[in-house]
Protein backbone atom coordinates (compact mmCIF):
# COMPACT_ATOMS: atom_id res chain seq x y z
CA MET A 1 19.58 21.51 -21.26
CA GLY A 2 17.54 18.15 -20.78
CA THR A 3 20.13 15.99 -22.89
CA LEU A 4 23.10 17.82 -21.23
CA LEU A 5 21.64 17.05 -17.71
CA LYS A 6 20.83 13.63 -18.53
CA ASP A 7 24.44 13.06 -19.85
CA THR A 8 25.81 14.56 -16.74
CA ILE A 9 23.80 12.56 -14.54
CA LYS A 10 25.03 9.24 -16.41
CA GLU A 11 28.41 10.45 -16.07
CA ARG A 12 28.30 10.82 -12.34
CA LEU A 13 26.32 7.61 -11.95
CA LEU A 14 29.15 5.50 -13.73
CA SER A 15 31.83 7.20 -11.58
CA GLY A 16 29.88 6.68 -8.37
CA ASP A 17 29.57 10.13 -7.62
CA TYR A 18 26.33 10.22 -5.82
CA ALA A 19 27.34 13.42 -4.04
CA GLY A 20 27.46 15.05 -7.41
CA ILE A 21 23.72 13.79 -8.20
CA ILE A 22 22.66 15.51 -4.94
CA GLU A 23 24.24 18.73 -6.07
CA LEU A 24 22.54 18.42 -9.31
CA GLY A 25 19.39 17.73 -7.63
CA LYS A 26 19.53 21.00 -5.86
CA LYS A 27 20.17 22.95 -8.78
CA HIS A 28 17.67 21.21 -11.38
CA LYS A 29 14.33 19.99 -10.87
CA GLY A 30 14.51 17.28 -13.44
CA VAL A 31 17.02 14.96 -11.77
CA LEU A 32 14.61 12.72 -10.00
CA ARG A 33 12.68 12.26 -13.25
CA SER A 34 16.05 11.55 -15.18
CA LEU A 35 17.10 8.74 -12.68
CA ILE A 36 13.78 7.10 -12.88
CA SER A 37 14.11 6.90 -16.73
CA LEU A 38 17.50 5.13 -16.41
CA THR A 39 15.92 2.30 -14.16
CA TYR A 40 14.17 0.40 -16.87
CA ASP A 41 16.89 -2.10 -17.98
CA LYS A 42 18.18 -4.28 -14.99
CA GLY A 43 20.55 -5.78 -17.37
CA GLU A 44 22.56 -2.38 -17.35
CA LEU A 45 24.77 -1.18 -14.44
CA ILE A 46 23.71 2.34 -14.97
CA CYS A 47 20.03 1.07 -13.97
CA TRP A 48 21.25 -0.08 -10.47
CA ARG A 49 23.28 3.05 -9.87
CA ALA A 50 20.26 5.08 -10.71
CA ILE A 51 18.13 3.18 -8.34
CA GLU A 52 20.71 3.72 -5.54
CA ALA A 53 21.03 7.44 -6.55
CA VAL A 54 17.37 7.86 -5.78
CA GLY A 55 17.94 7.01 -2.23
CA PHE A 56 20.88 9.31 -1.91
CA LEU A 57 19.15 12.07 -3.69
CA SER A 58 15.92 12.05 -1.49
CA ALA A 59 18.16 11.90 1.65
CA GLY A 60 20.04 15.01 0.48
CA MET A 61 16.91 16.99 -0.37
CA GLY A 62 15.25 16.20 2.76
CA PRO A 63 11.96 14.35 3.90
CA ALA A 64 9.40 16.47 1.92
CA ALA A 65 11.35 15.64 -1.51
CA GLY A 66 11.74 11.81 -0.32
CA LEU A 67 7.82 11.69 0.15
CA ASP A 68 7.21 13.27 -3.04
CA ALA A 69 9.52 10.81 -4.94
CA ILE A 70 7.58 7.85 -2.91
CA ASP A 71 4.36 9.23 -3.95
CA ARG A 72 5.21 9.52 -7.73
CA LEU A 73 6.58 5.71 -7.56
CA PHE A 74 3.30 4.57 -5.87
CA VAL A 75 1.39 6.29 -8.73
CA MET A 76 3.47 4.77 -11.15
CA MET A 77 3.07 1.12 -9.46
CA ARG A 78 -0.67 1.56 -9.22
CA ASP A 79 -0.45 2.29 -13.14
CA GLU A 80 -2.09 5.77 -12.78
CA SER A 81 0.71 7.56 -14.48
CA GLY A 82 1.26 5.68 -17.81
CA GLY A 83 4.81 5.44 -16.59
CA ASN A 84 7.03 2.06 -16.35
CA PRO A 85 7.16 1.02 -12.86
CA TRP A 86 9.55 -2.00 -13.13
CA SER A 87 12.13 -0.69 -10.62
CA ALA A 88 9.68 1.37 -8.43
CA PRO A 89 9.84 -0.96 -5.52
CA GLU A 90 13.70 -0.90 -5.58
CA MET A 91 13.76 2.81 -5.37
CA ILE A 92 11.10 3.08 -2.80
CA GLY A 93 13.13 0.68 -0.64
CA GLU A 94 16.31 2.98 -1.13
CA ILE A 95 14.42 6.04 0.01
CA ILE A 96 13.04 4.16 3.16
CA LYS A 97 16.62 2.73 3.78
CA HIS A 98 18.24 6.22 4.02
CA ASP A 99 15.61 7.63 6.08
CA PRO A 100 13.63 5.09 7.89
CA SER A 101 12.47 7.40 10.81
CA SER A 102 10.64 9.33 8.28
CA PHE A 103 9.29 6.78 5.75
CA SER A 104 9.15 3.02 7.57
CA TYR A 105 5.32 3.42 8.02
CA LEU A 106 5.29 3.09 4.14
CA LEU A 107 6.89 -0.13 4.05
CA PRO A 108 3.71 -2.09 4.44
CA VAL A 109 2.23 -0.14 1.69
CA LEU A 110 5.15 -1.20 -0.54
CA VAL A 111 4.81 -4.82 0.49
CA SER A 112 1.16 -4.85 -0.18
CA PHE A 113 2.03 -5.02 -3.76
CA ARG A 114 3.85 -8.55 -3.39
CA ASP A 115 1.28 -10.60 -5.31
CA GLU A 116 1.68 -8.75 -8.44
CA ALA A 117 4.60 -10.62 -10.20
CA LEU A 118 5.98 -7.50 -11.63
CA PHE A 119 6.98 -6.26 -8.17
CA ALA A 120 7.69 -9.39 -6.28
CA ALA A 121 11.34 -9.53 -6.77
CA GLY A 122 11.93 -5.86 -6.44
CA ILE A 123 9.99 -5.74 -3.09
CA LEU A 124 12.41 -8.49 -1.66
CA HIS A 125 15.41 -6.53 -2.92
CA ALA A 126 14.04 -3.47 -1.07
CA LEU A 127 13.81 -5.67 2.15
CA ALA A 128 17.17 -7.25 1.70
CA GLY A 129 18.54 -3.71 1.50
CA LEU A 130 16.87 -2.53 4.61
CA ALA A 131 17.51 -5.46 6.70
CA PRO A 132 21.22 -4.83 7.72
CA SER A 133 20.40 -1.45 9.34
CA ASN A 134 16.80 -1.79 10.43
CA PRO A 135 16.18 -5.63 10.89
CA GLU A 136 13.20 -5.00 13.11
CA LEU A 137 11.41 -3.52 10.21
CA VAL A 138 12.09 -6.34 7.90
CA MET A 139 11.55 -9.40 10.57
CA PRO A 140 7.78 -9.18 10.13
CA TYR A 141 8.25 -10.26 6.42
CA ARG A 142 10.63 -12.99 6.99
CA GLU A 143 7.86 -15.56 6.59
CA MET A 144 6.84 -13.92 3.21
CA ALA A 145 10.59 -14.27 2.00
CA PHE A 146 10.51 -17.94 3.43
CA LEU A 147 7.54 -18.81 1.06
CA SER A 148 9.16 -16.78 -1.97
CA LEU A 149 11.79 -19.40 -1.84
CA ARG A 150 9.45 -21.78 -3.78
CA SER A 151 8.74 -19.07 -6.59
CA GLY A 152 9.08 -19.99 -10.21
CA ASP A 153 11.01 -16.70 -10.74
CA PRO A 154 14.71 -17.17 -10.19
CA ALA A 155 14.98 -13.36 -9.29
CA VAL A 156 12.39 -13.92 -6.68
CA ARG A 157 14.12 -16.89 -5.27
CA ALA A 158 17.59 -15.02 -5.29
CA ASN A 159 16.15 -11.96 -3.28
CA ALA A 160 14.30 -13.96 -0.86
CA ILE A 161 17.60 -15.84 0.07
CA LEU A 162 19.23 -12.26 0.32
CA VAL A 163 16.64 -11.12 2.71
CA MET A 164 17.72 -14.16 4.89
CA LYS A 165 21.37 -13.28 4.64
CA SER A 166 20.71 -9.73 5.18
CA LEU A 167 18.82 -10.53 8.48
CA SER A 168 21.57 -12.81 9.62
CA ASP A 169 18.78 -15.31 10.23
CA ASP A 170 19.29 -18.98 9.72
CA THR A 171 15.68 -20.00 10.79
CA TYR A 172 15.14 -21.26 7.24
CA ALA A 173 18.54 -22.24 6.40
CA SER A 174 17.69 -25.78 5.66
CA SER A 175 15.42 -24.26 2.84
CA VAL A 176 18.01 -22.04 1.51
CA ALA A 177 20.34 -25.14 1.46
CA MET A 178 17.84 -26.94 -0.86
CA LEU A 179 18.48 -24.18 -3.43
CA ALA A 180 22.21 -24.50 -3.39
CA VAL A 181 22.17 -26.47 -6.71
CA ASP A 182 19.48 -23.95 -8.16
CA GLU A 183 20.88 -23.42 -11.89
CA GLY A 184 18.34 -20.40 -12.46
CA ARG A 185 20.50 -17.36 -13.37
CA VAL A 186 19.67 -13.80 -12.44
CA VAL A 187 21.06 -10.25 -12.67
CA TYR A 188 22.99 -9.60 -9.45
CA TYR A 189 23.96 -6.32 -8.10
CA ASP A 190 26.50 -6.41 -5.37
CA ARG A 191 25.76 -3.54 -3.11
CA GLU A 192 29.15 -3.63 -1.52
CA THR A 193 31.14 -3.21 -4.65
CA ARG A 194 28.38 -1.76 -6.77
CA THR A 195 29.05 -4.03 -9.64
CA LEU A 196 26.69 -6.22 -11.79
CA SER A 197 27.32 -9.84 -12.76
CA SER A 198 25.19 -12.83 -13.79
CA ARG A 199 24.92 -15.64 -11.03
CA SER A 200 23.00 -18.66 -10.34
CA VAL A 201 20.56 -18.72 -7.67
CA GLY A 202 22.66 -21.70 -6.40
CA GLU A 203 25.69 -19.52 -5.84
CA ILE A 204 23.65 -17.10 -4.21
CA ALA A 205 22.39 -19.54 -1.82
CA ARG A 206 25.92 -21.07 -1.03
CA GLN A 207 27.38 -17.62 -0.23
CA ALA A 208 24.24 -16.82 2.02
CA LEU A 209 24.60 -20.16 3.76
CA GLU A 210 28.40 -19.43 4.52
CA SER A 211 27.51 -15.95 5.84
CA LEU A 212 24.86 -17.49 7.86
CA ARG A 213 27.23 -20.10 9.27
CA LYS A 214 29.85 -17.44 10.28
CA THR A 215 27.26 -15.49 12.03
CA ALA A 216 26.10 -18.40 14.09
CA SER A 217 29.56 -19.32 14.87
CA GLY A 218 30.83 -16.17 15.67
């Protein structure tokens, strides 16, 4: 049944059937574990779909299930489980995004891992995802995102830009503009189209600047 369940989960992820994931979660206890197991390779579309699905699943199952998932992911990040925590920050971010009233108090705990290189990009990704609907929760970390623009990791620089864009905040637009020629390449997951592509940091910076200019003029 384990293999059959995982195959069903993969099918629903690739078809974008998140309601179907919630349905499976109400019937089978192993759905969260299966989703986590699919988040190891960020070069694969199914990884990002699984990250998103964790947020939908926790929202569909209720706050208790969401808290259990966050606790499990924090254990992984603290290296207490032996599991692979590479995408844990992104998954925690999705859970908080879907139910900030229940879980926003855990955002500072997530951000406290920012100095660990393994998690820096993922934490910024989580903040960028939360910013459009709950900017007040992300604004305290705007300075952290600004400092991250100088990172040697292209993924960190790209996600820091996305925090600025998602906040519609042009305070550091001049610093973002300096990255418009950045040729570092990253795997980019488009939240709106749910597609995966390879982009340069410069391209992401230019798109962010265009968005910030439109916000400022409109």
